[in-house]
């Protein structure tokens, strides 16, 4: 059995890609995203990645307090979410995919060999 692909999700950026009122309750918006990601853990992301996936949702600021659920581990960034995602990508030796539209973050994680996709790939 092959190991699961690590999918690191930029919670703030992906939530912010949908104008659905997320700004009124950032934690609830992050919970909606987390719940939407669960389906991808075993099956993968259609047209993008085969499952299984090891999904890490990085949250920061007012989105902190979101619990992990089976299939999605929630990582509360102690400071900058971008810095935490760079750390996670480096720890993975670049063998991961980062979901974000943030150009600066994309550049930073690409330096460790990570691949990037935009929010529409998952949300």
N, C-alpha and C. Protein backbone atom coordinates (compact mmCIF):
# COMPACT_ATOMS: atom_id res chain seq x y z
N UNK A 1 0.84 -1.18 0.00
CA UNK A 1 0.00 0.00 0.00
C UNK A 1 0.88 1.24 0.00
N UNK A 2 0.58 2.19 -0.87
CA UNK A 2 1.39 3.40 -0.93
C UNK A 2 0.99 4.35 0.20
N UNK A 3 1.91 5.20 0.57
CA UNK A 3 1.59 6.15 1.64
C UNK A 3 0.71 7.26 1.09
N UNK A 4 -0.04 7.86 2.01
CA UNK A 4 -0.96 8.92 1.62
C UNK A 4 -0.21 10.19 1.25
N UNK A 5 -0.71 10.88 0.26
CA UNK A 5 -0.18 12.18 -0.13
C UNK A 5 -0.58 13.21 0.93
N UNK A 6 0.37 14.04 1.35
CA UNK A 6 0.08 15.10 2.31
C UNK A 6 -0.50 16.29 1.58
N UNK A 7 -1.71 16.69 1.99
CA UNK A 7 -2.39 17.85 1.43
C UNK A 7 -2.51 18.88 2.55
N UNK A 8 -1.80 20.00 2.40
CA UNK A 8 -1.80 21.07 3.39
C UNK A 8 -2.73 22.16 2.87
N UNK A 9 -3.76 22.49 3.66
CA UNK A 9 -4.78 23.44 3.21
C UNK A 9 -4.65 24.75 3.99
N UNK A 10 -4.48 25.83 3.26
CA UNK A 10 -4.41 27.18 3.82
C UNK A 10 -5.84 27.61 4.17
N UNK A 11 -6.23 27.35 5.42
CA UNK A 11 -7.60 27.58 5.83
C UNK A 11 -8.09 28.99 5.56
N UNK A 12 -7.32 29.98 5.96
CA UNK A 12 -7.76 31.38 5.79
C UNK A 12 -7.93 31.72 4.32
N UNK A 13 -7.00 31.29 3.49
CA UNK A 13 -7.06 31.63 2.08
C UNK A 13 -8.20 30.91 1.37
N UNK A 14 -8.37 29.63 1.67
CA UNK A 14 -9.43 28.87 1.00
C UNK A 14 -10.81 29.35 1.45
N UNK A 15 -10.99 29.58 2.75
CA UNK A 15 -12.27 30.11 3.24
C UNK A 15 -12.55 31.47 2.60
N UNK A 16 -11.53 32.30 2.50
CA UNK A 16 -11.69 33.63 1.92
C UNK A 16 -11.98 33.65 0.44
N UNK A 17 -11.85 32.50 -0.21
CA UNK A 17 -12.10 32.44 -1.66
C UNK A 17 -13.59 32.38 -1.99
N UNK A 18 -14.43 32.21 -0.97
CA UNK A 18 -15.89 32.14 -1.17
C UNK A 18 -16.57 33.28 -0.43
N UNK A 19 -17.27 34.14 -1.12
CA UNK A 19 -17.96 35.25 -0.45
C UNK A 19 -19.29 34.78 0.17
N UNK A 20 -19.18 33.94 1.20
CA UNK A 20 -20.37 33.35 1.80
C UNK A 20 -20.64 33.84 3.23
N UNK A 21 -20.05 34.98 3.58
CA UNK A 21 -20.25 35.52 4.92
C UNK A 21 -19.26 35.01 5.94
N UNK A 22 -18.17 34.38 5.48
CA UNK A 22 -17.17 33.79 6.39
C UNK A 22 -16.65 34.80 7.41
N UNK A 23 -16.63 36.06 7.05
CA UNK A 23 -16.07 37.09 7.94
C UNK A 23 -16.89 37.30 9.20
N UNK A 24 -18.14 36.85 9.19
CA UNK A 24 -18.99 37.00 10.38
C UNK A 24 -18.63 35.99 11.46
N UNK A 25 -18.11 34.82 11.07
CA UNK A 25 -17.76 33.78 12.04
C UNK A 25 -16.66 32.91 11.42
N UNK A 26 -15.43 33.32 11.64
CA UNK A 26 -14.29 32.63 11.01
C UNK A 26 -14.17 31.18 11.46
N UNK A 27 -14.46 30.91 12.73
CA UNK A 27 -14.36 29.53 13.21
C UNK A 27 -15.40 28.65 12.52
N UNK A 28 -16.63 29.10 12.42
CA UNK A 28 -17.67 28.31 11.74
C UNK A 28 -17.31 28.10 10.27
N UNK A 29 -16.73 29.11 9.64
CA UNK A 29 -16.33 28.97 8.24
C UNK A 29 -15.23 27.91 8.11
N UNK A 30 -14.28 27.90 9.05
CA UNK A 30 -13.22 26.89 9.02
C UNK A 30 -13.79 25.49 9.28
N UNK A 31 -14.80 25.40 10.13
CA UNK A 31 -15.45 24.11 10.37
C UNK A 31 -16.16 23.61 9.11
N UNK A 32 -16.79 24.50 8.37
CA UNK A 32 -17.45 24.11 7.10
C UNK A 32 -16.41 23.58 6.12
N UNK A 33 -15.28 24.27 6.04
CA UNK A 33 -14.21 23.81 5.15
C UNK A 33 -13.70 22.45 5.59
N UNK A 34 -13.42 22.31 6.89
CA UNK A 34 -12.94 21.03 7.43
C UNK A 34 -13.90 19.91 7.04
N UNK A 35 -15.19 20.14 7.25
CA UNK A 35 -16.18 19.11 6.95
C UNK A 35 -16.23 18.78 5.46
N UNK A 36 -16.03 19.78 4.62
CA UNK A 36 -16.02 19.54 3.16
C UNK A 36 -14.79 18.73 2.74
N UNK A 37 -13.70 18.86 3.48
CA UNK A 37 -12.46 18.15 3.14
C UNK A 37 -12.50 16.67 3.50
N UNK A 38 -13.33 16.30 4.46
CA UNK A 38 -13.37 14.91 4.95
C UNK A 38 -13.55 13.92 3.81
N UNK A 39 -14.42 14.23 2.88
CA UNK A 39 -14.71 13.31 1.77
C UNK A 39 -13.48 12.98 0.94
N UNK A 40 -12.52 13.87 0.92
CA UNK A 40 -11.33 13.66 0.10
C UNK A 40 -10.29 12.76 0.75
N UNK A 41 -10.37 12.53 2.04
CA UNK A 41 -9.34 11.78 2.76
C UNK A 41 -9.14 10.38 2.18
N UNK A 42 -10.19 9.66 1.93
CA UNK A 42 -10.07 8.30 1.38
C UNK A 42 -10.10 8.26 -0.13
N UNK A 43 -11.00 9.03 -0.71
CA UNK A 43 -11.24 8.95 -2.15
C UNK A 43 -10.32 9.83 -2.99
N UNK A 44 -9.73 10.84 -2.38
CA UNK A 44 -8.91 11.77 -3.13
C UNK A 44 -9.75 12.91 -3.70
N UNK A 45 -9.12 13.76 -4.46
CA UNK A 45 -9.78 14.91 -5.07
C UNK A 45 -9.98 14.60 -6.55
N UNK A 46 -11.22 14.45 -6.99
CA UNK A 46 -11.47 14.09 -8.39
C UNK A 46 -10.76 15.02 -9.37
N UNK A 47 -10.05 14.42 -10.30
CA UNK A 47 -9.35 15.19 -11.31
C UNK A 47 -8.03 15.80 -10.85
N UNK A 48 -7.70 15.60 -9.58
CA UNK A 48 -6.46 16.19 -9.04
C UNK A 48 -5.54 15.13 -8.43
N UNK A 49 -6.03 14.44 -7.37
CA UNK A 49 -5.19 13.49 -6.62
C UNK A 49 -5.99 12.27 -6.23
N UNK A 50 -5.37 11.11 -6.39
CA UNK A 50 -5.99 9.88 -5.92
C UNK A 50 -5.82 9.79 -4.41
N UNK A 51 -6.76 9.12 -3.76
CA UNK A 51 -6.67 8.89 -2.33
C UNK A 51 -5.78 7.70 -2.05
N UNK A 52 -5.44 7.47 -0.83
CA UNK A 52 -5.83 8.27 0.33
C UNK A 52 -4.98 9.54 0.43
N UNK A 53 -5.53 10.52 1.13
CA UNK A 53 -4.82 11.77 1.39
C UNK A 53 -4.68 11.98 2.89
N UNK A 54 -3.53 12.51 3.29
CA UNK A 54 -3.30 12.93 4.66
C UNK A 54 -3.56 14.43 4.65
N UNK A 55 -4.71 14.86 5.15
CA UNK A 55 -5.12 16.26 5.03
C UNK A 55 -4.86 17.01 6.32
N UNK A 56 -4.15 18.13 6.18
CA UNK A 56 -3.89 19.02 7.32
C UNK A 56 -4.46 20.39 6.97
N UNK A 57 -5.41 20.84 7.77
CA UNK A 57 -6.02 22.15 7.62
C UNK A 57 -5.34 23.09 8.61
N UNK A 58 -4.65 24.09 8.10
CA UNK A 58 -3.96 25.05 8.96
C UNK A 58 -4.87 26.25 9.19
N UNK A 59 -5.12 26.53 10.48
CA UNK A 59 -5.97 27.66 10.86
C UNK A 59 -5.16 28.61 11.73
N UNK A 60 -5.63 29.85 11.77
CA UNK A 60 -4.96 30.88 12.56
C UNK A 60 -5.98 31.90 13.03
N UNK A 61 -5.57 32.76 13.93
CA UNK A 61 -6.42 33.86 14.37
C UNK A 61 -7.75 33.40 14.92
N UNK A 62 -8.83 34.06 14.48
CA UNK A 62 -10.16 33.79 15.00
C UNK A 62 -10.72 32.44 14.57
N UNK A 63 -10.01 31.72 13.72
CA UNK A 63 -10.45 30.38 13.32
C UNK A 63 -9.90 29.31 14.27
N UNK A 64 -9.07 29.70 15.22
CA UNK A 64 -8.54 28.72 16.18
C UNK A 64 -9.69 28.12 16.97
N UNK A 65 -9.49 26.90 17.45
CA UNK A 65 -10.50 26.22 18.24
C UNK A 65 -11.27 25.18 17.44
N UNK A 66 -10.98 25.06 16.16
CA UNK A 66 -11.62 24.05 15.33
C UNK A 66 -10.98 22.70 15.64
N UNK A 67 -11.79 21.72 15.92
CA UNK A 67 -11.31 20.39 16.28
C UNK A 67 -10.97 19.57 15.03
N UNK A 68 -10.00 18.68 15.18
CA UNK A 68 -9.72 17.69 14.15
C UNK A 68 -10.86 16.68 14.12
N UNK A 69 -11.06 16.07 12.96
CA UNK A 69 -12.06 15.01 12.79
C UNK A 69 -11.38 13.89 12.01
N UNK A 70 -11.94 12.68 12.04
CA UNK A 70 -11.35 11.61 11.24
C UNK A 70 -11.23 12.05 9.77
N UNK A 71 -10.02 11.99 9.26
CA UNK A 71 -9.76 12.37 7.88
C UNK A 71 -9.14 13.74 7.71
N UNK A 72 -9.31 14.62 8.69
CA UNK A 72 -8.73 15.97 8.59
C UNK A 72 -8.14 16.36 9.94
N UNK A 73 -6.83 16.57 9.93
CA UNK A 73 -6.15 17.05 11.13
C UNK A 73 -6.11 18.57 11.06
N UNK A 74 -6.55 19.23 12.11
CA UNK A 74 -6.51 20.68 12.17
C UNK A 74 -5.27 21.09 12.94
N UNK A 75 -4.46 21.94 12.34
CA UNK A 75 -3.22 22.43 12.94
C UNK A 75 -3.39 23.92 13.21
N UNK A 76 -3.41 24.29 14.48
CA UNK A 76 -3.52 25.70 14.85
C UNK A 76 -2.14 26.34 14.81
N UNK A 77 -1.97 27.25 13.88
CA UNK A 77 -0.68 27.95 13.78
C UNK A 77 -0.48 28.80 15.03
N UNK A 78 0.67 28.67 15.68
CA UNK A 78 0.91 29.48 16.88
C UNK A 78 1.06 30.97 16.56
N UNK A 79 1.43 31.26 15.33
CA UNK A 79 1.58 32.64 14.87
C UNK A 79 1.02 32.73 13.46
N UNK A 80 1.89 32.94 12.52
CA UNK A 80 1.50 33.06 11.12
C UNK A 80 1.15 31.69 10.53
N UNK A 81 -0.03 31.61 9.92
CA UNK A 81 -0.41 30.38 9.23
C UNK A 81 0.54 30.06 8.09
N UNK A 82 0.98 31.09 7.38
CA UNK A 82 1.91 30.88 6.27
C UNK A 82 3.21 30.25 6.77
N UNK A 83 3.74 30.77 7.87
CA UNK A 83 4.98 30.21 8.42
C UNK A 83 4.79 28.75 8.79
N UNK A 84 3.64 28.42 9.37
CA UNK A 84 3.38 27.03 9.76
C UNK A 84 3.31 26.13 8.53
N UNK A 85 2.67 26.59 7.46
CA UNK A 85 2.59 25.77 6.25
C UNK A 85 3.96 25.56 5.61
N UNK A 86 4.81 26.58 5.67
CA UNK A 86 6.18 26.43 5.17
C UNK A 86 6.91 25.37 6.00
N UNK A 87 6.72 25.40 7.32
CA UNK A 87 7.34 24.39 8.19
C UNK A 87 6.85 22.99 7.84
N UNK A 88 5.55 22.83 7.67
CA UNK A 88 4.99 21.52 7.35
C UNK A 88 5.51 21.00 6.01
N UNK A 89 5.59 21.89 5.02
CA UNK A 89 6.11 21.48 3.71
C UNK A 89 7.57 21.06 3.81
N UNK A 90 8.35 21.80 4.59
CA UNK A 90 9.76 21.47 4.77
C UNK A 90 9.90 20.14 5.50
N UNK A 91 9.08 19.91 6.54
CA UNK A 91 9.11 18.65 7.28
C UNK A 91 8.78 17.47 6.37
N UNK A 92 7.93 17.70 5.38
CA UNK A 92 7.55 16.65 4.44
C UNK A 92 8.59 16.48 3.33
N UNK A 93 9.63 17.27 3.36
CA UNK A 93 10.64 17.21 2.32
C UNK A 93 10.10 17.60 0.97
N UNK A 94 9.04 18.41 0.99
CA UNK A 94 8.43 18.86 -0.25
C UNK A 94 7.48 17.87 -0.86
N UNK A 95 7.37 16.68 -0.26
CA UNK A 95 6.48 15.64 -0.80
C UNK A 95 5.05 15.92 -0.36
N UNK A 96 4.51 17.02 -0.85
CA UNK A 96 3.16 17.43 -0.44
C UNK A 96 2.59 18.40 -1.46
N UNK A 97 1.30 18.68 -1.27
CA UNK A 97 0.61 19.67 -2.08
C UNK A 97 0.01 20.69 -1.13
N UNK A 98 0.19 21.96 -1.43
CA UNK A 98 -0.36 23.04 -0.62
C UNK A 98 -1.50 23.68 -1.40
N UNK A 99 -2.64 23.82 -0.74
CA UNK A 99 -3.81 24.42 -1.36
C UNK A 99 -3.89 25.88 -0.91
N UNK A 100 -3.61 26.79 -1.83
CA UNK A 100 -3.64 28.23 -1.54
C UNK A 100 -3.61 29.01 -2.85
N UNK A 101 -4.10 30.24 -2.79
CA UNK A 101 -3.97 31.15 -3.92
C UNK A 101 -2.96 32.25 -3.60
N UNK A 102 -2.37 32.19 -2.42
CA UNK A 102 -1.43 33.20 -1.95
C UNK A 102 -0.10 33.04 -2.71
N UNK A 103 0.23 33.99 -3.55
CA UNK A 103 1.43 33.89 -4.39
C UNK A 103 2.72 33.81 -3.59
N UNK A 104 2.81 34.61 -2.54
CA UNK A 104 4.03 34.58 -1.73
C UNK A 104 4.19 33.23 -1.05
N UNK A 105 3.11 32.69 -0.49
CA UNK A 105 3.16 31.38 0.15
C UNK A 105 3.52 30.31 -0.87
N UNK A 106 2.93 30.38 -2.05
CA UNK A 106 3.26 29.41 -3.10
C UNK A 106 4.76 29.39 -3.39
N UNK A 107 5.35 30.57 -3.47
CA UNK A 107 6.78 30.68 -3.72
C UNK A 107 7.59 30.08 -2.56
N UNK A 108 7.17 30.36 -1.36
CA UNK A 108 7.90 29.87 -0.18
C UNK A 108 7.85 28.35 -0.07
N UNK A 109 6.70 27.73 -0.29
CA UNK A 109 6.62 26.27 -0.16
C UNK A 109 7.23 25.57 -1.37
N UNK A 110 7.20 26.22 -2.53
CA UNK A 110 7.82 25.63 -3.71
C UNK A 110 9.33 25.49 -3.52
N UNK A 111 9.91 26.35 -2.71
CA UNK A 111 11.35 26.27 -2.43
C UNK A 111 11.72 24.95 -1.76
N UNK A 112 10.76 24.32 -1.06
CA UNK A 112 11.03 23.02 -0.44
C UNK A 112 10.57 21.87 -1.33
N UNK A 113 10.07 22.19 -2.52
CA UNK A 113 9.65 21.16 -3.47
C UNK A 113 8.17 20.86 -3.48
N UNK A 114 7.38 21.59 -2.70
CA UNK A 114 5.94 21.35 -2.65
C UNK A 114 5.27 21.80 -3.95
N UNK A 115 4.21 21.11 -4.29
CA UNK A 115 3.36 21.48 -5.43
C UNK A 115 2.21 22.31 -4.86
N UNK A 116 1.65 23.21 -5.64
CA UNK A 116 0.55 24.05 -5.18
C UNK A 116 -0.63 23.96 -6.14
N UNK A 117 -1.83 24.04 -5.56
CA UNK A 117 -3.05 24.14 -6.33
C UNK A 117 -3.91 25.23 -5.68
N UNK A 118 -4.85 25.76 -6.44
CA UNK A 118 -5.71 26.80 -5.93
C UNK A 118 -6.89 26.26 -5.13
N UNK A 119 -7.58 27.15 -4.43
CA UNK A 119 -8.71 26.75 -3.60
C UNK A 119 -9.82 26.00 -4.34
N UNK A 120 -10.04 26.32 -5.59
CA UNK A 120 -11.12 25.65 -6.34
C UNK A 120 -10.89 24.15 -6.49
N UNK A 121 -9.67 23.70 -6.29
CA UNK A 121 -9.40 22.27 -6.39
C UNK A 121 -10.14 21.50 -5.30
N UNK A 122 -10.39 22.16 -4.15
CA UNK A 122 -11.00 21.44 -3.02
C UNK A 122 -12.27 22.07 -2.47
N UNK A 123 -12.60 23.32 -2.86
CA UNK A 123 -13.71 24.00 -2.18
C UNK A 123 -14.47 24.86 -3.16
